[in-house]
């Protein structure tokens, strides 16, 4: 089983960076629940959850 990471994208969709790795999807999602506002301040507009190199899902960080 691969580790999980978040890939950050700016509002234009350009890749910014990836976060540290997490051992489970639940751990990664819990971290995002506390870190999303700091990521917005950093300039991220959306994120993708990755398992290894496979994208599990993508989501925006701003309220629509």
PDB file of N, CA and C in Angstrom:
ATOM      1  N   UNK A   1       0.840  -1.181   0.000  1.00  0.00           N
ATOM      2  CA  UNK A   1       0.000   0.000   0.000  1.00  0.00           C
ATOM      3  C   UNK A   1       0.886   1.246   0.000  1.00  0.00           C
ATOM      4  N   UNK A   2       0.520   2.222  -0.807  1.00  0.00           N
ATOM      5  CA  UNK A   2       1.298   3.452  -0.934  1.00  0.00           C
ATOM      6  C   UNK A   2       0.898   4.470   0.118  1.00  0.00           C
ATOM      7  N   UNK A   3       1.772   5.432   0.313  1.00  0.00           N
ATOM      8  CA  UNK A   3       1.449   6.552   1.183  1.00  0.00           C
ATOM      9  C   UNK A   3       0.518   7.511   0.453  1.00  0.00           C
ATOM     10  N   UNK A   4      -0.135   8.359   1.222  1.00  0.00           N
ATOM     11  CA  UNK A   4      -1.043   9.371   0.689  1.00  0.00           C
ATOM     12  C   UNK A   4      -0.403  10.737   0.840  1.00  0.00           C
ATOM     13  N   UNK A   5      -0.544  11.577  -0.177  1.00  0.00           N
ATOM     14  CA  UNK A   5      -0.064  12.951  -0.139  1.00  0.00           C
ATOM     15  C   UNK A   5      -1.103  13.845  -0.793  1.00  0.00           C
ATOM     16  N   UNK A   6      -1.020  15.120  -0.482  1.00  0.00           N
ATOM     17  CA  UNK A   6      -1.847  16.126  -1.145  1.00  0.00           C
ATOM     18  C   UNK A   6      -0.973  16.886  -2.129  1.00  0.00           C
ATOM     19  N   UNK A   7      -1.480  17.085  -3.331  1.00  0.00           N
ATOM     20  CA  UNK A   7      -0.802  17.925  -4.324  1.00  0.00           C
ATOM     21  C   UNK A   7      -1.566  19.239  -4.399  1.00  0.00           C
ATOM     22  N   UNK A   8      -0.854  20.345  -4.194  1.00  0.00           N
ATOM     23  CA  UNK A   8      -1.458  21.666  -4.200  1.00  0.00           C
ATOM     24  C   UNK A   8      -1.358  22.280  -5.585  1.00  0.00           C
ATOM     25  N   UNK A   9      -2.438  22.986  -5.976  1.00  0.00           N
ATOM     26  CA  UNK A   9      -2.492  23.699  -7.247  1.00  0.00           C
ATOM     27  C   UNK A   9      -2.935  25.137  -6.969  1.00  0.00           C
ATOM     28  N   UNK A  10      -2.415  26.078  -7.751  1.00  0.00           N
ATOM     29  CA  UNK A  10      -2.888  27.454  -7.611  1.00  0.00           C
ATOM     30  C   UNK A  10      -4.224  27.597  -8.349  1.00  0.00           C
ATOM     31  N   UNK A  11      -4.782  28.807  -8.349  1.00  0.00           N
ATOM     32  CA  UNK A  11      -6.094  29.017  -8.964  1.00  0.00           C
ATOM     33  C   UNK A  11      -6.099  28.755 -10.468  1.00  0.00           C
ATOM     34  N   UNK A  12      -4.956  28.850 -11.108  1.00  0.00           N
ATOM     35  CA  UNK A  12      -4.856  28.580 -12.544  1.00  0.00           C
ATOM     36  C   UNK A  12      -4.668  27.090 -12.832  1.00  0.00           C
ATOM     37  N   UNK A  13      -4.505  26.288 -11.774  1.00  0.00           N
ATOM     38  CA  UNK A  13      -4.320  24.858 -11.954  1.00  0.00           C
ATOM     39  C   UNK A  13      -2.875  24.411 -12.029  1.00  0.00           C
ATOM     40  N   UNK A  14      -1.948  25.343 -11.844  1.00  0.00           N
ATOM     41  CA  UNK A  14      -0.524  25.016 -11.890  1.00  0.00           C
ATOM     42  C   UNK A  14      -0.108  24.306 -10.605  1.00  0.00           C
ATOM     43  N   UNK A  15       0.625  23.221 -10.762  1.00  0.00           N
ATOM     44  CA  UNK A  15       1.112  22.464  -9.600  1.00  0.00           C
ATOM     45  C   UNK A  15       2.059  23.330  -8.789  1.00  0.00           C
ATOM     46  N   UNK A  16       1.832  23.338  -7.472  1.00  0.00           N
ATOM     47  CA  UNK A  16       2.687  24.110  -6.567  1.00  0.00           C
ATOM     48  C   UNK A  16       3.688  23.193  -5.866  1.00  0.00           C
ATOM     49  N   UNK A  17       3.159  22.239  -5.116  1.00  0.00           N
ATOM     50  CA  UNK A  17       4.026  21.321  -4.364  1.00  0.00           C
ATOM     51  C   UNK A  17       3.167  20.187  -3.831  1.00  0.00           C
ATOM     52  N   UNK A  18       3.821  19.220  -3.198  1.00  0.00           N
ATOM     53  CA  UNK A  18       3.118  18.155  -2.497  1.00  0.00           C
ATOM     54  C   UNK A  18       3.419  18.259  -1.014  1.00  0.00           C
ATOM     55  N   UNK A  19       2.478  17.792  -0.211  1.00  0.00           N
ATOM     56  CA  UNK A  19       2.642  17.826   1.236  1.00  0.00           C
ATOM     57  C   UNK A  19       3.480  16.637   1.695  1.00  0.00           C
ATOM     58  N   UNK A  20       3.695  16.562   2.984  1.00  0.00           N
ATOM     59  CA  UNK A  20       4.308  15.375   3.566  1.00  0.00           C
ATOM     60  C   UNK A  20       3.387  14.190   3.321  1.00  0.00           C
ATOM     61  N   UNK A  21       3.892  12.989   3.491  1.00  0.00           N
ATOM     62  CA  UNK A  21       3.076  11.796   3.257  1.00  0.00           C
ATOM     63  C   UNK A  21       2.383  11.365   4.542  1.00  0.00           C
ATOM     64  N   UNK A  22       1.274  10.678   4.347  1.00  0.00           N
ATOM     65  CA  UNK A  22       0.454  10.157   5.438  1.00  0.00           C
ATOM     66  C   UNK A  22       0.281   8.669   5.219  1.00  0.00           C
ATOM     67  N   UNK A  23       0.146   7.921   6.300  1.00  0.00           N
ATOM     68  CA  UNK A  23       0.064   6.462   6.185  1.00  0.00           C
ATOM     69  C   UNK A  23      -1.324   5.968   5.817  1.00  0.00           C
ATOM     70  N   UNK A  24      -2.348   6.829   5.950  1.00  0.00           N
ATOM     71  CA  UNK A  24      -3.706   6.418   5.589  1.00  0.00           C
ATOM     72  C   UNK A  24      -4.475   7.584   4.980  1.00  0.00           C
ATOM     73  N   UNK A  25      -5.514   7.256   4.249  1.00  0.00           N
ATOM     74  CA  UNK A  25      -6.403   8.259   3.655  1.00  0.00           C
ATOM     75  C   UNK A  25      -7.056   9.080   4.758  1.00  0.00           C
ATOM     76  N   UNK A  26      -7.482   8.419   5.823  1.00  0.00           N
ATOM     77  CA  UNK A  26      -8.137   9.109   6.937  1.00  0.00           C
ATOM     78  C   UNK A  26      -7.205  10.115   7.605  1.00  0.00           C
ATOM     79  N   UNK A  27      -5.941   9.735   7.772  1.00  0.00           N
ATOM     80  CA  UNK A  27      -4.955  10.646   8.357  1.00  0.00           C
ATOM     81  C   UNK A  27      -4.738  11.856   7.457  1.00  0.00           C
ATOM     82  N   UNK A  28      -4.652  11.627   6.155  1.00  0.00           N
ATOM     83  CA  UNK A  28      -4.474  12.728   5.203  1.00  0.00           C
ATOM     84  C   UNK A  28      -5.677  13.665   5.215  1.00  0.00           C
ATOM     85  N   UNK A  29      -6.874  13.104   5.250  1.00  0.00           N
ATOM     86  CA  UNK A  29      -8.086  13.926   5.254  1.00  0.00           C
ATOM     87  C   UNK A  29      -8.235  14.703   6.564  1.00  0.00           C
ATOM     88  N   UNK A  30      -7.864  14.097   7.675  1.00  0.00           N
ATOM     89  CA  UNK A  30      -7.911  14.799   8.962  1.00  0.00           C
ATOM     90  C   UNK A  30      -6.944  15.978   8.954  1.00  0.00           C
ATOM     91  N   UNK A  31      -5.760  15.783   8.395  1.00  0.00           N
ATOM     92  CA  UNK A  31      -4.781  16.868   8.303  1.00  0.00           C
ATOM     93  C   UNK A  31      -5.337  18.003   7.447  1.00  0.00           C
ATOM     94  N   UNK A  32      -5.957  17.669   6.310  1.00  0.00           N
ATOM     95  CA  UNK A  32      -6.516  18.691   5.430  1.00  0.00           C
ATOM     96  C   UNK A  32      -7.589  19.487   6.154  1.00  0.00           C
ATOM     97  N   UNK A  33      -8.350  18.826   7.012  1.00  0.00           N
ATOM     98  CA  UNK A  33      -9.390  19.506   7.766  1.00  0.00           C
ATOM     99  C   UNK A  33      -8.871  20.620   8.657  1.00  0.00           C
ATOM    100  N   UNK A  34      -7.629  20.530   9.072  1.00  0.00           N
ATOM    101  CA  UNK A  34      -7.037  21.569   9.909  1.00  0.00           C
ATOM    102  C   UNK A  34      -6.118  22.508   9.133  1.00  0.00           C
ATOM    103  N   UNK A  35      -5.621  22.084   7.973  1.00  0.00           N
ATOM    104  CA  UNK A  35      -4.592  22.859   7.259  1.00  0.00           C
ATOM    105  C   UNK A  35      -5.113  23.665   6.077  1.00  0.00           C
ATOM    106  N   UNK A  36      -6.360  23.448   5.654  1.00  0.00           N
ATOM    107  CA  UNK A  36      -6.829  24.046   4.397  1.00  0.00           C
ATOM    108  C   UNK A  36      -6.731  25.570   4.367  1.00  0.00           C
ATOM    109  N   UNK A  37      -6.999  26.257   5.476  1.00  0.00           N
ATOM    110  CA  UNK A  37      -6.947  27.720   5.452  1.00  0.00           C
ATOM    111  C   UNK A  37      -5.508  28.225   5.306  1.00  0.00           C
ATOM    112  N   UNK A  38      -4.559  27.511   5.888  1.00  0.00           N
ATOM    113  CA  UNK A  38      -3.148  27.882   5.720  1.00  0.00           C
ATOM    114  C   UNK A  38      -2.712  27.667   4.276  1.00  0.00           C
ATOM    115  N   UNK A  39      -3.235  26.626   3.642  1.00  0.00           N
ATOM    116  CA  UNK A  39      -2.909  26.365   2.239  1.00  0.00           C
ATOM    117  C   UNK A  39      -3.494  27.451   1.338  1.00  0.00           C
ATOM    118  N   UNK A  40      -4.695  27.938   1.658  1.00  0.00           N
ATOM    119  CA  UNK A  40      -5.262  29.071   0.926  1.00  0.00           C
ATOM    120  C   UNK A  40      -4.358  30.288   1.051  1.00  0.00           C
ATOM    121  N   UNK A  41      -3.894  30.563   2.271  1.00  0.00           N
ATOM    122  CA  UNK A  41      -2.988  31.697   2.498  1.00  0.00           C
ATOM    123  C   UNK A  41      -1.693  31.551   1.704  1.00  0.00           C
ATOM    124  N   UNK A  42      -1.272  30.312   1.479  1.00  0.00           N
ATOM    125  CA  UNK A  42      -0.055  30.028   0.708  1.00  0.00           C
ATOM    126  C   UNK A  42      -0.275  30.239  -0.792  1.00  0.00           C
ATOM    127  N   UNK A  43      -1.541  30.310  -1.209  1.00  0.00           N
ATOM    128  CA  UNK A  43      -1.833  30.535  -2.623  1.00  0.00           C
ATOM    129  C   UNK A  43      -2.482  29.356  -3.326  1.00  0.00           C
ATOM    130  N   UNK A  44      -2.732  28.269  -2.594  1.00  0.00           N
ATOM    131  CA  UNK A  44      -3.376  27.103  -3.207  1.00  0.00           C
ATOM    132  C   UNK A  44      -4.866  27.377  -3.386  1.00  0.00           C
ATOM    133  N   UNK A  45      -5.401  26.958  -4.525  1.00  0.00           N
ATOM    134  CA  UNK A  45      -6.831  27.082  -4.782  1.00  0.00           C
ATOM    135  C   UNK A  45      -7.533  25.741  -4.816  1.00  0.00           C
ATOM    136  N   UNK A  46      -6.757  24.682  -5.060  1.00  0.00           N
ATOM    137  CA  UNK A  46      -7.316  23.333  -5.089  1.00  0.00           C
ATOM    138  C   UNK A  46      -6.238  22.334  -4.707  1.00  0.00           C
ATOM    139  N   UNK A  47      -6.692  21.125  -4.379  1.00  0.00           N
ATOM    140  CA  UNK A  47      -5.775  20.056  -3.989  1.00  0.00           C
ATOM    141  C   UNK A  47      -6.234  18.744  -4.601  1.00  0.00           C
ATOM    142  N   UNK A  48      -5.295  17.844  -4.767  1.00  0.00           N
ATOM    143  CA  UNK A  48      -5.583  16.481  -5.212  1.00  0.00           C
ATOM    144  C   UNK A  48      -5.021  15.538  -4.167  1.00  0.00           C
ATOM    145  N   UNK A  49      -5.814  14.549  -3.777  1.00  0.00           N
ATOM    146  CA  UNK A  49      -5.319  13.517  -2.876  1.00  0.00           C
ATOM    147  C   UNK A  49      -4.740  12.394  -3.717  1.00  0.00           C
ATOM    148  N   UNK A  50      -3.490  12.059  -3.454  1.00  0.00           N
ATOM    149  CA  UNK A  50      -2.798  11.021  -4.199  1.00  0.00           C
ATOM    150  C   UNK A  50      -2.519   9.819  -3.318  1.00  0.00           C
ATOM    151  N   UNK A  51      -2.643   8.628  -3.905  1.00  0.00           N
ATOM    152  CA  UNK A  51      -2.147   7.403  -3.289  1.00  0.00           C
ATOM    153  C   UNK A  51      -1.025   6.942  -4.188  1.00  0.00           C
ATOM    154  N   UNK A  52       0.193   7.128  -3.727  1.00  0.00           N
ATOM    155  CA  UNK A  52       1.336   6.927  -4.616  1.00  0.00           C
ATOM    156  C   UNK A  52       1.273   8.015  -5.685  1.00  0.00           C
ATOM    157  N   UNK A  53       1.176   7.622  -6.943  1.00  0.00           N
ATOM    158  CA  UNK A  53       1.041   8.582  -8.042  1.00  0.00           C
ATOM    159  C   UNK A  53      -0.375   8.634  -8.606  1.00  0.00           C
ATOM    160  N   UNK A  54      -1.277   7.836  -8.046  1.00  0.00           N
ATOM    161  CA  UNK A  54      -2.659   7.787  -8.529  1.00  0.00           C
ATOM    162  C   UNK A  54      -3.513   8.829  -7.808  1.00  0.00           C
ATOM    163  N   UNK A  55      -4.250   9.645  -8.586  1.00  0.00           N
ATOM    164  CA  UNK A  55      -5.147  10.634  -8.014  1.00  0.00           C
ATOM    165  C   UNK A  55      -6.415   9.948  -7.527  1.00  0.00           C
ATOM    166  N   UNK A  56      -6.718  10.114  -6.246  1.00  0.00           N
ATOM    167  CA  UNK A  56      -7.933   9.560  -5.650  1.00  0.00           C
ATOM    168  C   UNK A  56      -9.103  10.509  -5.909  1.00  0.00           C
ATOM    169  N   UNK A  57      -8.911  11.800  -5.602  1.00  0.00           N
ATOM    170  CA  UNK A  57      -9.910  12.820  -5.920  1.00  0.00           C
ATOM    171  C   UNK A  57      -9.276  14.193  -5.834  1.00  0.00           C
ATOM    172  N   UNK A  58      -9.988  15.173  -6.409  1.00  0.00           N
ATOM    173  CA  UNK A  58      -9.561  16.560  -6.384  1.00  0.00           C
ATOM    174  C   UNK A  58     -10.668  17.396  -5.739  1.00  0.00           C
ATOM    175  N   UNK A  59     -10.288  18.509  -5.122  1.00  0.00           N
ATOM    176  CA  UNK A  59     -11.290  19.403  -4.572  1.00  0.00           C
ATOM    177  C   UNK A  59     -10.746  20.809  -4.460  1.00  0.00           C
ATOM    178  N   UNK A  60     -11.649  21.777  -4.542  1.00  0.00           N
ATOM    179  CA  UNK A  60     -11.305  23.175  -4.364  1.00  0.00           C
ATOM    180  C   UNK A  60     -11.234  23.505  -2.888  1.00  0.00           C
ATOM    181  N   UNK A  61     -10.481  24.521  -2.564  1.00  0.00           N
ATOM    182  CA  UNK A  61     -10.359  24.952  -1.180  1.00  0.00           C
ATOM    183  C   UNK A  61     -11.253  26.144  -0.856  1.00  0.00           C
ATOM    184  N   UNK A  62     -11.812  26.784  -1.871  1.00  0.00           N
ATOM    185  CA  UNK A  62     -12.649  27.972  -1.661  1.00  0.00           C
ATOM    186  C   UNK A  62     -14.127  27.579  -1.675  1.00  0.00           C
ATOM    187  N   UNK A  63     -14.905  28.293  -0.873  1.00  0.00           N
ATOM    188  CA  UNK A  63     -16.357  28.085  -0.880  1.00  0.00           C
ATOM    189  C   UNK A  63     -16.900  28.539  -2.236  1.00  0.00           C
ATOM    190  N   UNK A  64     -17.825  27.771  -2.760  1.00  0.00           N
ATOM    191  CA  UNK A  64     -18.382  28.127  -4.076  1.00  0.00           C
ATOM    192  C   UNK A  64     -19.747  28.727  -3.937  1.00  0.00           C
TER     193      UNK A  64
END
